Amino acid sequence: MDERGLHRLIGTIIDPERLADDCAVIPCGDLVMVATTDMLHETTDFPAGMTDWQIGWMSTAVTLSDVASMGAAPGQVLLAVGLDRPERLRGIMEGARDCCTTFGAELVGGDLDAHTELTIVSTGLGAVAPEHLVRRRGARPGDVIAVTGTLGEAQAALSGYDRHRKELLEPQPRVREGAILGRAGVSAMMDISDGLALSLHDLLAVNDCGFSIDTARLPLPAGVPEGEGRALALYGGGDFELLFCAPPTIFPVPGVEARVIGEVIAERTVLADGEPLERRGYLHEWSG
């Protein structure tokens, strides 16, 4: 069973609508608060050779990316560190602080424990006006499908293309772009941390329409053969770009570099070049 299957189990205990987005949505006066939590482990999430500073940066960036995907401005980040060696703590905390400072958040606390494997849980809070909140649900036939940045760079680095190592180890959450897209009125949005194909299927699960992309339009990692680059862009994880749908009348959105890769269709399916796109990407799985 994979993590999406376990999400369905959680949906029998918690209102499934609460689980449909990158962040929980909580009314907060005249604004909406968004809240998210991410857990990262050394053996599965931190590539070999990362510095402790980069580990702290990445642990924070993945959470800020979730906040950005809702169109929200980041507020506070808390970091719970299951620490294997105490001398690592300073670098981790400084990396987390620097990521917060770069993207307009504040590192405000967390928890600390001894652990046999370095494990970090980052929790992020953000705020947005209700009219600018963007959810995964809301795509409409005729919308364009677009992405920020380049896809497949993190996976390219893991595949030995060292020119993309910085993108792997120091991801840049699209905080500014997410807020601009929310104000512009995009109809649906999420981040692409688990790969484009899987993200499109995640959108399919909560919308009453489908998604058709043209792989010739994908922004591919430089220095990678085209066929391999296309596979990395479709199925590779760790990019933390934004995938969004928008009425064609508002695209391009001023201030956001993004590329149209397809359109929303009436049929509830995910297509690439007219053929069904495999539901595949970065997934935590359990045997048995």
C-alpha atoms as a PDB file:
ATOM      1  CA  MET A   1       0.000   0.000   0.000  1.00  0.00           C
ATOM      2  CA  ASP A   2       1.225   3.519  -0.768  1.00  0.00           C
ATOM      3  CA  GLU A   3       0.672   6.749   1.143  1.00  0.00           C
ATOM      4  CA  ARG A   4      -2.267   7.821  -1.051  1.00  0.00           C
ATOM      5  CA  GLY A   5      -4.058   4.623  -0.061  1.00  0.00           C
ATOM      6  CA  LEU A   6      -3.471   5.384   3.602  1.00  0.00           C
ATOM      7  CA  HIS A   7      -4.847   8.886   3.060  1.00  0.00           C
ATOM      8  CA  ARG A   8      -8.150   7.243   2.134  1.00  0.00           C
ATOM      9  CA  LEU A   9      -8.111   5.453   5.497  1.00  0.00           C
ATOM     10  CA  ILE A  10      -7.509   8.755   7.279  1.00  0.00           C
ATOM     11  CA  GLY A  11     -10.479  10.128   5.334  1.00  0.00           C
ATOM     12  CA  THR A  12     -12.733   7.731   7.218  1.00  0.00           C
ATOM     13  CA  ILE A  13     -11.696   9.420  10.483  1.00  0.00           C
ATOM     14  CA  ILE A  14     -11.171  13.050   9.421  1.00  0.00           C
ATOM     15  CA  ASP A  15     -13.442  14.895   6.982  1.00  0.00           C
ATOM     16  CA  PRO A  16     -11.952  14.018   3.547  1.00  0.00           C
ATOM     17  CA  GLU A  17     -12.341  17.638   2.490  1.00  0.00           C
ATOM     18  CA  ARG A  18      -9.684  18.478   5.092  1.00  0.00           C
ATOM     19  CA  LEU A  19      -7.216  16.200   3.291  1.00  0.00           C
ATOM     20  CA  ALA A  20      -7.714  17.450  -0.258  1.00  0.00           C
ATOM     21  CA  ASP A  21      -5.006  20.138  -0.322  1.00  0.00           C
ATOM     22  CA  ASP A  22      -1.329  20.718   0.432  1.00  0.00           C
ATOM     23  CA  CYS A  23      -2.324  22.517   3.651  1.00  0.00           C
ATOM     24  CA  ALA A  24      -5.142  22.420   6.166  1.00  0.00           C
ATOM     25  CA  VAL A  25      -7.382  25.472   5.875  1.00  0.00           C
ATOM     26  CA  ILE A  26      -8.474  27.156   9.117  1.00  0.00           C
ATOM     27  CA  PRO A  27     -10.642  30.306   9.445  1.00  0.00           C
ATOM     28  CA  CYS A  28      -8.751  33.052  11.275  1.00  0.00           C
ATOM     29  CA  GLY A  29     -10.622  36.336  11.623  1.00  0.00           C
ATOM     30  CA  ASP A  30     -10.730  38.187   8.315  1.00  0.00           C
ATOM     31  CA  LEU A  31      -8.020  35.890   6.899  1.00  0.00           C
ATOM     32  CA  VAL A  32      -7.578  32.177   6.316  1.00  0.00           C
ATOM     33  CA  MET A  33      -4.725  30.343   8.028  1.00  0.00           C
ATOM     34  CA  VAL A  34      -3.064  27.451   6.213  1.00  0.00           C
ATOM     35  CA  ALA A  35      -1.079  24.832   8.129  1.00  0.00           C
ATOM     36  CA  THR A  36       1.143  22.001   6.929  1.00  0.00           C
ATOM     37  CA  THR A  37       3.570  19.424   8.331  1.00  0.00           C
ATOM     38  CA  ASP A  38       6.324  17.457   6.575  1.00  0.00           C
ATOM     39  CA  MET A  39       8.482  14.615   7.934  1.00  0.00           C
ATOM     40  CA  LEU A  40      11.911  13.896   6.434  1.00  0.00           C
ATOM     41  CA  HIS A  41      14.336  11.058   7.234  1.00  0.00           C
ATOM     42  CA  GLU A  42      18.046  10.900   6.541  1.00  0.00           C
ATOM     43  CA  THR A  43      17.999   7.610   4.627  1.00  0.00           C
ATOM     44  CA  THR A  44      15.059   8.432   2.356  1.00  0.00           C
ATOM     45  CA  ASP A  45      14.998  12.223   2.006  1.00  0.00           C
ATOM     46  CA  PHE A  46      18.500  13.655   2.470  1.00  0.00           C
ATOM     47  CA  PRO A  47      20.893  12.678  -0.344  1.00  0.00           C
ATOM     48  CA  ALA A  48      24.420  11.674   0.574  1.00  0.00           C
ATOM     49  CA  GLY A  49      26.816  14.602   0.849  1.00  0.00           C
ATOM     50  CA  MET A  50      24.330  17.164   2.153  1.00  0.00           C
ATOM     51  CA  THR A  51      25.637  19.539   4.775  1.00  0.00           C
ATOM     52  CA  ASP A  52      23.651  20.011   7.964  1.00  0.00           C
ATOM     53  CA  TRP A  53      22.883  23.567   6.802  1.00  0.00           C
ATOM     54  CA  GLN A  54      21.377  22.185   3.580  1.00  0.00           C
ATOM     55  CA  ILE A  55      19.335  19.672   5.566  1.00  0.00           C
ATOM     56  CA  GLY A  56      17.848  22.481   7.635  1.00  0.00           C
ATOM     57  CA  TRP A  57      17.198  24.534   4.505  1.00  0.00           C
ATOM     58  CA  MET A  58      15.498  21.651   2.666  1.00  0.00           C
ATOM     59  CA  SER A  59      13.366  20.691   5.673  1.00  0.00           C
ATOM     60  CA  THR A  60      12.003  24.230   5.766  1.00  0.00           C
ATOM     61  CA  ALA A  61      11.722  24.727   2.012  1.00  0.00           C
ATOM     62  CA  VAL A  62       9.425  21.738   1.519  1.00  0.00           C
ATOM     63  CA  THR A  63       6.988  23.182   4.053  1.00  0.00           C
ATOM     64  CA  LEU A  64       7.102  26.700   2.627  1.00  0.00           C
ATOM     65  CA  SER A  65       6.378  25.188  -0.793  1.00  0.00           C
ATOM     66  CA  ASP A  66       3.107  23.772   0.553  1.00  0.00           C
ATOM     67  CA  VAL A  67       2.167  27.190   1.940  1.00  0.00           C
ATOM     68  CA  ALA A  68       2.987  28.795  -1.425  1.00  0.00           C
ATOM     69  CA  SER A  69       0.761  26.328  -3.267  1.00  0.00           C
ATOM     70  CA  MET A  70      -2.279  27.741  -1.449  1.00  0.00           C
ATOM     71  CA  GLY A  71      -1.512  31.306  -2.543  1.00  0.00           C
ATOM     72  CA  ALA A  72      -0.632  32.186   1.059  1.00  0.00           C
ATOM     73  CA  ALA A  73       2.123  34.296   2.590  1.00  0.00           C
ATOM     74  CA  PRO A  74       4.339  32.283   4.958  1.00  0.00           C
ATOM     75  CA  GLY A  75       4.265  33.175   8.627  1.00  0.00           C
ATOM     76  CA  GLN A  76       5.847  30.831  11.164  1.00  0.00           C
ATOM     77  CA  VAL A  77       7.823  27.587  10.992  1.00  0.00           C
ATOM     78  CA  LEU A  78       8.413  25.111  13.823  1.00  0.00           C
ATOM     79  CA  LEU A  79      11.042  22.390  13.559  1.00  0.00           C
ATOM     80  CA  ALA A  80      11.016  19.139  15.532  1.00  0.00           C
ATOM     81  CA  VAL A  81      14.414  17.436  15.260  1.00  0.00           C
ATOM     82  CA  GLY A  82      15.024  13.796  16.113  1.00  0.00           C
ATOM     83  CA  LEU A  83      18.792  14.194  16.426  1.00  0.00           C
ATOM     84  CA  ASP A  84      21.330  11.409  16.016  1.00  0.00           C
ATOM     85  CA  ARG A  85      24.388  13.515  16.944  1.00  0.00           C
ATOM     86  CA  PRO A  86      24.185  16.759  18.962  1.00  0.00           C
ATOM     87  CA  GLU A  87      26.949  18.494  17.002  1.00  0.00           C
ATOM     88  CA  ARG A  88      24.669  18.593  13.947  1.00  0.00           C
ATOM     89  CA  LEU A  89      22.021  20.792  15.529  1.00  0.00           C
ATOM     90  CA  ARG A  90      23.596  24.208  14.923  1.00  0.00           C
ATOM     91  CA  GLY A  91      23.977  23.699  11.177  1.00  0.00           C
ATOM     92  CA  ILE A  92      20.443  22.344  10.820  1.00  0.00           C
ATOM     93  CA  MET A  93      18.898  25.225  12.742  1.00  0.00           C
ATOM     94  CA  GLU A  94      20.936  27.846  10.888  1.00  0.00           C
ATOM     95  CA  GLY A  95      19.869  26.396   7.546  1.00  0.00           C
ATOM     96  CA  ALA A  96      16.229  26.439   8.622  1.00  0.00           C
ATOM     97  CA  ARG A  97      16.535  30.019   9.869  1.00  0.00           C
ATOM     98  CA  ASP A  98      18.195  31.190   6.649  1.00  0.00           C
ATOM     99  CA  CYS A  99      15.485  29.601   4.507  1.00  0.00           C
ATOM    100  CA  CYS A 100      12.817  31.296   6.610  1.00  0.00           C
ATOM    101  CA  THR A 101      14.562  34.660   6.347  1.00  0.00           C
ATOM    102  CA  THR A 102      14.931  34.327   2.562  1.00  0.00           C
ATOM    103  CA  PHE A 103      11.236  33.660   1.991  1.00  0.00           C
ATOM    104  CA  GLY A 104       9.656  35.907   4.590  1.00  0.00           C
ATOM    105  CA  ALA A 105       8.881  33.397   7.349  1.00  0.00           C
ATOM    106  CA  GLU A 106      10.026  33.213  10.975  1.00  0.00           C
ATOM    107  CA  LEU A 107      11.500  30.189  12.751  1.00  0.00           C
ATOM    108  CA  VAL A 108       9.722  30.291  16.109  1.00  0.00           C
ATOM    109  CA  GLY A 109      10.432  27.010  17.921  1.00  0.00           C
ATOM    110  CA  GLY A 110       9.799  23.284  17.830  1.00  0.00           C
ATOM    111  CA  ASP A 111      11.023  20.210  19.690  1.00  0.00           C
ATOM    112  CA  LEU A 112      14.202  18.193  20.179  1.00  0.00           C
ATOM    113  CA  ASP A 113      14.715  14.493  20.848  1.00  0.00           C
ATOM    114  CA  ALA A 114      17.400  11.829  20.577  1.00  0.00           C
ATOM    115  CA  HIS A 115      16.972   9.507  17.609  1.00  0.00           C
ATOM    116  CA  THR A 116      18.967   6.743  15.915  1.00  0.00           C
ATOM    117  CA  GLU A 117      18.238   8.258  12.472  1.00  0.00           C
ATOM    118  CA  LEU A 118      18.123  11.988  11.839  1.00  0.00           C
ATOM    119  CA  THR A 119      14.429  12.818  11.423  1.00  0.00           C
ATOM    120  CA  ILE A 120      13.003  16.302  11.004  1.00  0.00           C
ATOM    121  CA  VAL A 121       9.372  17.374  11.157  1.00  0.00           C
ATOM    122  CA  SER A 122       8.725  20.897   9.906  1.00  0.00           C
ATOM    123  CA  THR A 123       5.413  22.649  10.500  1.00  0.00           C
ATOM    124  CA  GLY A 124       4.502  25.780   8.616  1.00  0.00           C
ATOM    125  CA  LEU A 125       1.751  28.364   9.024  1.00  0.00           C
ATOM    126  CA  GLY A 126       0.655  30.961   6.512  1.00  0.00           C
ATOM    127  CA  ALA A 127      -2.175  33.411   5.923  1.00  0.00           C
ATOM    128  CA  VAL A 128      -4.163  34.592   2.933  1.00  0.00           C
ATOM    129  CA  ALA A 129      -7.303  36.577   2.202  1.00  0.00           C
ATOM    130  CA  PRO A 130     -10.197  34.148   1.547  1.00  0.00           C
ATOM    131  CA  GLU A 131     -10.719  35.455  -1.983  1.00  0.00           C
ATOM    132  CA  HIS A 132      -7.097  34.690  -2.876  1.00  0.00           C
ATOM    133  CA  LEU A 133      -6.925  31.198  -1.371  1.00  0.00           C
ATOM    134  CA  VAL A 134      -6.204  28.584  -4.055  1.00  0.00           C
ATOM    135  CA  ARG A 135      -7.081  24.933  -3.604  1.00  0.00           C
ATOM    136  CA  ARG A 136      -6.492  21.823  -5.690  1.00  0.00           C
ATOM    137  CA  ARG A 137     -10.200  21.700  -6.481  1.00  0.00           C
ATOM    138  CA  GLY A 138     -11.478  24.314  -8.915  1.00  0.00           C
ATOM    139  CA  ALA A 139     -10.055  23.431 -12.336  1.00  0.00           C
ATOM    140  CA  ARG A 140     -12.463  23.940 -15.243  1.00  0.00           C
ATOM    141  CA  PRO A 141     -12.475  22.591 -18.827  1.00  0.00           C
ATOM    142  CA  GLY A 142     -10.763  25.112 -21.052  1.00  0.00           C
ATOM    143  CA  ASP A 143      -8.280  26.229 -18.386  1.00  0.00           C
ATOM    144  CA  VAL A 144      -4.628  26.112 -19.324  1.00  0.00           C
ATOM    145  CA  ILE A 145      -2.310  23.853 -17.319  1.00  0.00           C
ATOM    146  CA  ALA A 146       0.998  25.521 -16.472  1.00  0.00           C
ATOM    147  CA  VAL A 147       4.099  25.008 -14.347  1.00  0.00           C
ATOM    148  CA  THR A 148       6.717  27.295 -12.866  1.00  0.00           C
ATOM    149  CA  GLY A 149      10.413  26.663 -13.340  1.00  0.00           C
ATOM    150  CA  THR A 150      12.062  23.569 -14.773  1.00  0.00           C
ATOM    151  CA  LEU A 151      10.955  20.007 -14.070  1.00  0.00           C
ATOM    152  CA  GLY A 152      13.175  17.009 -13.364  1.00  0.00           C
ATOM    153  CA  GLU A 153      16.250  18.834 -12.092  1.00  0.00           C
ATOM    154  CA  ALA A 154      16.319  17.222  -8.647  1.00  0.00           C
ATOM    155  CA  GLN A 155      15.956  13.739 -10.120  1.00  0.00           C
ATOM    156  CA  ALA A 156      18.575  14.594 -12.735  1.00  0.00           C
ATOM    157  CA  ALA A 157      21.032  15.345  -9.922  1.00  0.00           C
ATOM    158  CA  LEU A 158      20.237  11.989  -8.319  1.00  0.00           C
ATOM    159  CA  SER A 159      20.868  10.380 -11.716  1.00  0.00           C
ATOM    160  CA  GLY A 160      24.396  11.809 -11.848  1.00  0.00           C
ATOM    161  CA  TYR A 161      23.915  15.146 -13.601  1.00  0.00           C
ATOM    162  CA  ASP A 162      25.860  17.191 -11.074  1.00  0.00           C
ATOM    163  CA  ARG A 163      25.068  20.559 -12.689  1.00  0.00           C
ATOM    164  CA  HIS A 164      21.628  20.239 -11.042  1.00  0.00           C
ATOM    165  CA  ARG A 165      22.893  19.370  -7.568  1.00  0.00           C
ATOM    166  CA  LYS A 166      22.094  22.781  -6.114  1.00  0.00           C
ATOM    167  CA  GLU A 167      18.458  22.436  -7.213  1.00  0.00           C
ATOM    168  CA  LEU A 168      18.334  19.072  -5.424  1.00  0.00           C
ATOM    169  CA  LEU A 169      19.995  20.137  -2.188  1.00  0.00           C
ATOM    170  CA  GLU A 170      18.743  23.717  -1.849  1.00  0.00           C
ATOM    171  CA  PRO A 171      15.216  23.823  -3.337  1.00  0.00           C
ATOM    172  CA  GLN A 172      13.637  27.230  -3.811  1.00  0.00           C
ATOM    173  CA  PRO A 173       9.946  27.282  -2.829  1.00  0.00           C
ATOM    174  CA  ARG A 174       7.877  29.481  -5.141  1.00  0.00           C
ATOM    175  CA  VAL A 175       6.508  31.673  -2.345  1.00  0.00           C
ATOM    176  CA  ARG A 176       6.382  34.919  -4.317  1.00  0.00           C
ATOM    177  CA  GLU A 177       4.915  33.225  -7.370  1.00  0.00           C
ATOM    178  CA  GLY A 178       2.236  31.424  -5.351  1.00  0.00           C
ATOM    179  CA  ALA A 179       0.975  34.660  -3.827  1.00  0.00           C
ATOM    180  CA  ILE A 180       0.890  36.414  -7.215  1.00  0.00           C
ATOM    181  CA  LEU A 181      -0.984  33.509  -8.812  1.00  0.00           C
ATOM    182  CA  GLY A 182      -3.518  33.515  -5.985  1.00  0.00           C
ATOM    183  CA  ARG A 183      -4.195  37.212  -6.427  1.00  0.00           C
ATOM    184  CA  ALA A 184      -4.420  36.775 -10.204  1.00  0.00           C
ATOM    185  CA  GLY A 185      -7.270  34.259  -9.850  1.00  0.00           C
ATOM    186  CA  VAL A 186      -5.861  30.893 -10.897  1.00  0.00           C
ATOM    187  CA  SER A 187      -8.466  28.160 -10.496  1.00  0.00           C
ATOM    188  CA  ALA A 188      -6.433  25.298  -8.946  1.00  0.00           C
ATOM    189  CA  MET A 189      -2.869  24.844  -7.717  1.00  0.00           C
ATOM    190  CA  MET A 190      -0.517  22.463  -5.903  1.00  0.00           C
ATOM    191  CA  ASP A 191       3.215  21.910  -5.638  1.00  0.00           C
ATOM    192  CA  ILE A 192       4.996  19.190  -7.625  1.00  0.00           C
ATOM    193  CA  SER A 193       7.154  17.679  -4.891  1.00  0.00           C
ATOM    194  CA  ASP A 194       6.231  14.089  -5.836  1.00  0.00           C
ATOM    195  CA  GLY A 195       6.492  14.508  -9.618  1.00  0.00           C
ATOM    196  CA  LEU A 196       4.283  15.961 -12.351  1.00  0.00           C
ATOM    197  CA  ALA A 197       2.443  12.747 -13.309  1.00  0.00           C
ATOM    198  CA  LEU A 198       1.469  11.930  -9.748  1.00  0.00           C
ATOM    199  CA  SER A 199       0.458  15.550  -9.139  1.00  0.00           C
ATOM    200  CA  LEU A 200      -1.865  15.520 -12.153  1.00  0.00           C
ATOM    201  CA  HIS A 201      -3.505  12.376 -10.790  1.00  0.00           C
ATOM    202  CA  ASP A 202      -3.850  14.106  -7.418  1.00  0.00           C
ATOM    203  CA  LEU A 203      -5.706  16.949  -9.178  1.00  0.00           C
ATOM    204  CA  LEU A 204      -7.854  14.386 -10.975  1.00  0.00           C
ATOM    205  CA  ALA A 205      -8.904  12.887  -7.629  1.00  0.00           C
ATOM    206  CA  VAL A 206     -10.541  16.118  -6.438  1.00  0.00           C
ATOM    207  CA  ASN A 207     -11.831  17.682  -9.667  1.00  0.00           C
ATOM    208  CA  ASP A 208     -14.735  16.788 -11.956  1.00  0.00           C
ATOM    209  CA  CYS A 209     -12.636  17.186 -15.091  1.00  0.00           C
ATOM    210  CA  GLY A 210      -9.437  15.841 -16.641  1.00  0.00           C
ATOM    211  CA  PHE A 211      -5.972  16.981 -17.643  1.00  0.00           C
ATOM    212  CA  SER A 212      -4.205  16.677 -20.984  1.00  0.00           C
ATOM    213  CA  ILE A 213      -0.561  17.668 -21.403  1.00  0.00           C
ATOM    214  CA  ASP A 214       1.831  17.870 -24.367  1.00  0.00           C
ATOM    215  CA  THR A 215       5.215  16.491 -23.324  1.00  0.00           C
ATOM    216  CA  ALA A 216       6.963  18.522 -26.043  1.00  0.00           C
ATOM    217  CA  ARG A 217       6.063  21.614 -23.999  1.00  0.00           C
ATOM    218  CA  LEU A 218       7.609  20.427 -20.722  1.00  0.00           C
ATOM    219  CA  PRO A 219      10.525  22.557 -19.405  1.00  0.00           C
ATOM    220  CA  LEU A 220      13.278  19.925 -19.273  1.00  0.00           C
ATOM    221  CA  PRO A 221      16.545  19.872 -17.272  1.00  0.00           C
ATOM    222  CA  ALA A 222      19.529  21.198 -19.195  1.00  0.00           C
ATOM    223  CA  GLY A 223      22.312  18.826 -20.209  1.00  0.00           C
ATOM    224  CA  VAL A 224      20.111  15.707 -20.107  1.00  0.00           C
ATOM    225  CA  PRO A 225      19.199  13.751 -23.280  1.00  0.00           C
ATOM    226  CA  GLU A 226      15.663  14.698 -24.339  1.00  0.00           C
ATOM    227  CA  GLY A 227      14.042  11.298 -23.797  1.00  0.00           C
ATOM    228  CA  GLU A 228      15.583  10.859 -20.372  1.00  0.00           C
ATOM    229  CA  GLY A 229      14.817  14.466 -19.460  1.00  0.00           C
ATOM    230  CA  ARG A 230      11.171  14.005 -20.371  1.00  0.00           C
ATOM    231  CA  ALA A 231      10.912  10.951 -18.105  1.00  0.00           C
ATOM    232  CA  LEU A 232      12.588  12.841 -15.268  1.00  0.00           C
ATOM    233  CA  ALA A 233      10.222  15.778 -15.740  1.00  0.00           C
ATOM    234  CA  LEU A 234       7.160  13.524 -15.652  1.00  0.00           C
ATOM    235  CA  TYR A 235       8.061  11.186 -12.812  1.00  0.00           C
ATOM    236  CA  GLY A 236      10.936  12.686 -10.812  1.00  0.00           C
ATOM    237  CA  GLY A 237      10.313  14.101  -7.332  1.00  0.00           C
ATOM    238  CA  GLY A 238      11.872  16.915  -5.368  1.00  0.00           C
ATOM    239  CA  ASP A 239      11.305  19.857  -7.723  1.00  0.00           C
ATOM    240  CA  PHE A 240       8.927  21.933  -5.524  1.00  0.00           C
ATOM    241  CA  GLU A 241       7.596  23.863  -8.492  1.00  0.00           C
ATOM    242  CA  LEU A 242       3.958  24.945  -8.777  1.00  0.00           C
ATOM    243  CA  LEU A 243       1.420  23.217 -11.015  1.00  0.00           C
ATOM    244  CA  PHE A 244      -1.636  25.361 -11.667  1.00  0.00           C
ATOM    245  CA  CYS A 245      -4.712  25.737 -13.844  1.00  0.00           C
ATOM    246  CA  ALA A 246      -5.951  29.117 -14.976  1.00  0.00           C
ATOM    247  CA  PRO A 247      -8.436  30.707 -17.358  1.00  0.00           C
ATOM    248  CA  PRO A 248      -6.528  31.491 -20.578  1.00  0.00           C
ATOM    249  CA  THR A 249      -7.656  35.111 -20.274  1.00  0.00           C
ATOM    250  CA  ILE A 250      -5.334  35.722 -17.297  1.00  0.00           C
ATOM    251  CA  PHE A 251      -2.270  33.956 -18.720  1.00  0.00           C
ATOM    252  CA  PRO A 252       0.549  34.889 -18.790  1.00  0.00           C
ATOM    253  CA  VAL A 253       0.440  36.212 -15.248  1.00  0.00           C
ATOM    254  CA  PRO A 254       2.691  39.287 -14.848  1.00  0.00           C
ATOM    255  CA  GLY A 255       5.582  38.622 -12.477  1.00  0.00           C
ATOM    256  CA  VAL A 256       5.481  34.838 -12.798  1.00  0.00           C
ATOM    257  CA  GLU A 257       7.671  32.854 -15.186  1.00  0.00           C
ATOM    258  CA  ALA A 258       5.583  29.830 -16.126  1.00  0.00           C
ATOM    259  CA  ARG A 259       5.023  27.619 -19.122  1.00  0.00           C
ATOM    260  CA  VAL A 260       1.732  26.240 -20.462  1.00  0.00           C
ATOM    261  CA  ILE A 261       1.998  22.456 -20.834  1.00  0.00           C
ATOM    262  CA  GLY A 262      -1.602  21.502 -21.616  1.00  0.00           C
ATOM    263  CA  GLU A 263      -5.255  22.144 -20.962  1.00  0.00           C
ATOM    264  CA  VAL A 264      -8.058  21.001 -18.708  1.00  0.00           C
ATOM    265  CA  ILE A 265     -10.538  18.730 -20.510  1.00  0.00           C
ATOM    266  CA  ALA A 266     -14.066  17.547 -19.723  1.00  0.00           C
ATOM    267  CA  GLU A 267     -13.238  13.821 -19.604  1.00  0.00           C
ATOM    268  CA  ARG A 268     -12.004  12.660 -16.178  1.00  0.00           C
ATOM    269  CA  THR A 269      -8.638  11.264 -17.197  1.00  0.00           C
ATOM    270  CA  VAL A 270      -4.963  12.241 -17.331  1.00  0.00           C
ATOM    271  CA  LEU A 271      -3.431  12.220 -20.798  1.00  0.00           C
ATOM    272  CA  ALA A 272       0.072  12.853 -22.127  1.00  0.00           C
ATOM    273  CA  ASP A 273       0.301  13.281 -25.897  1.00  0.00           C
ATOM    274  CA  GLY A 274      -3.207  11.852 -26.158  1.00  0.00           C
ATOM    275  CA  GLU A 275      -2.440   8.645 -24.250  1.00  0.00           C
ATOM    276  CA  PRO A 276      -3.228   7.753 -20.610  1.00  0.00           C
ATOM    277  CA  LEU A 277      -0.427   8.939 -18.308  1.00  0.00           C
ATOM    278  CA  GLU A 278       0.783   6.388 -15.786  1.00  0.00           C
ATOM    279  CA  ARG A 279       0.148   7.265 -12.134  1.00  0.00           C
ATOM    280  CA  ARG A 280       3.760   7.122 -11.040  1.00  0.00           C
ATOM    281  CA  GLY A 281       6.110   9.299  -9.002  1.00  0.00           C
ATOM    282  CA  TYR A 282       7.676   9.566  -5.559  1.00  0.00           C
ATOM    283  CA  LEU A 283       5.554   7.553  -3.130  1.00  0.00           C
ATOM    284  CA  HIS A 284       6.173   6.115   0.324  1.00  0.00           C
ATOM    285  CA  GLU A 285       5.097   2.472   0.210  1.00  0.00           C
ATOM    286  CA  TRP A 286       4.492  -0.349   2.682  1.00  0.00           C
ATOM    287  CA  SER A 287       4.731  -4.038   1.824  1.00  0.00           C
ATOM    288  CA  GLY A 288       2.159  -6.609   2.910  1.00  0.00           C
END
